Protein backbone atom coordinates (compact mmCIF):
# COMPACT_ATOMS: atom_id res chain seq x y z
CA MET A 1 110.02 113.06 114.32
CA SER A 2 107.93 116.47 114.93
CA GLU A 3 105.65 117.43 112.21
CA PHE A 4 108.55 120.40 111.48
CA GLN A 5 111.42 117.92 110.46
CA ASN A 6 109.06 115.45 108.30
CA LYS A 7 107.44 118.75 106.61
CA ALA A 8 111.65 119.18 106.32
CA GLU A 9 112.08 115.84 104.82
CA GLU A 10 108.66 115.89 102.69
CA LEU A 11 110.45 119.44 101.10
CA GLY A 12 113.98 118.22 100.56
CA GLY A 13 112.69 115.18 99.04
CA LYS A 14 110.82 117.58 96.33
CA VAL A 15 113.55 119.37 95.64
CA LYS A 16 115.61 116.14 94.63
CA GLU A 17 113.05 115.45 92.84
CA THR A 18 112.61 119.00 90.81
CA ALA A 19 116.48 118.49 90.57
CA GLY A 20 115.99 115.54 89.32
CA GLU A 21 113.38 115.85 86.38
CA ALA A 22 115.79 119.04 85.80
CA THR A 23 119.26 117.32 85.33
CA GLY A 24 117.57 114.59 83.86
CA ASN A 25 118.51 112.51 86.50
CA GLU A 26 116.04 109.66 87.11
CA ASN A 27 118.00 108.05 90.30
CA LEU A 28 118.10 111.63 92.04
CA LYS A 29 113.79 111.66 90.69
CA ASN A 30 112.99 109.16 92.26
CA GLU A 31 115.44 109.64 95.12
CA GLY A 32 113.36 112.76 95.88
CA LYS A 33 110.13 110.51 95.62
CA GLY A 34 110.77 108.07 97.77
CA ASP A 35 111.59 110.77 100.86
CA GLN A 36 108.78 112.60 99.85
CA ALA A 37 106.73 108.84 100.61
CA ALA A 38 108.62 108.33 103.66
CA ALA A 39 108.30 111.80 105.11
CA LYS A 40 104.06 111.31 104.54
CA ILE A 41 104.40 107.64 106.45
CA LYS A 42 105.73 109.24 109.27
CA GLN A 43 103.36 111.65 110.05
CA GLY A 44 101.04 109.41 108.82
CA ALA A 45 102.12 107.31 112.07
CA GLU A 46 103.05 110.43 114.51
CA ASP A 47 99.13 111.33 114.16
CA LEU A 48 98.03 108.02 114.28
CA LYS A 49 100.45 108.04 117.69
CA ASN A 50 98.47 111.21 118.56
CA LYS A 51 95.11 110.19 118.00
CA ALA A 52 96.10 106.77 120.41
CA THR A 53 96.72 108.95 123.26
CA GLU A 54 94.14 110.91 122.72
CA ALA A 55 91.61 108.75 122.61
CA LEU A 56 93.56 106.16 125.95
CA GLY A 57 93.48 109.93 127.82
CA LYS A 58 89.70 110.43 127.19
CA ILE A 59 89.02 106.32 128.35
CA THR A 60 91.21 107.05 131.38
CA GLY A 61 90.01 110.08 132.11
CA GLU A 62 93.35 112.21 132.14
């Protein structure tokens, strides 16, 4: 998943959370928070993968 897709998912989660707050819908609010957390975890994993690839490239001289 790209950084753009992760940010889009995070933004979608924020929209859900805000809509849930505005309508008093706790399920929607919590779903939005979950979407945001999932997007942040995916982005963290993507960042870690990129750093590992970069480090491996330095070790192998690529």
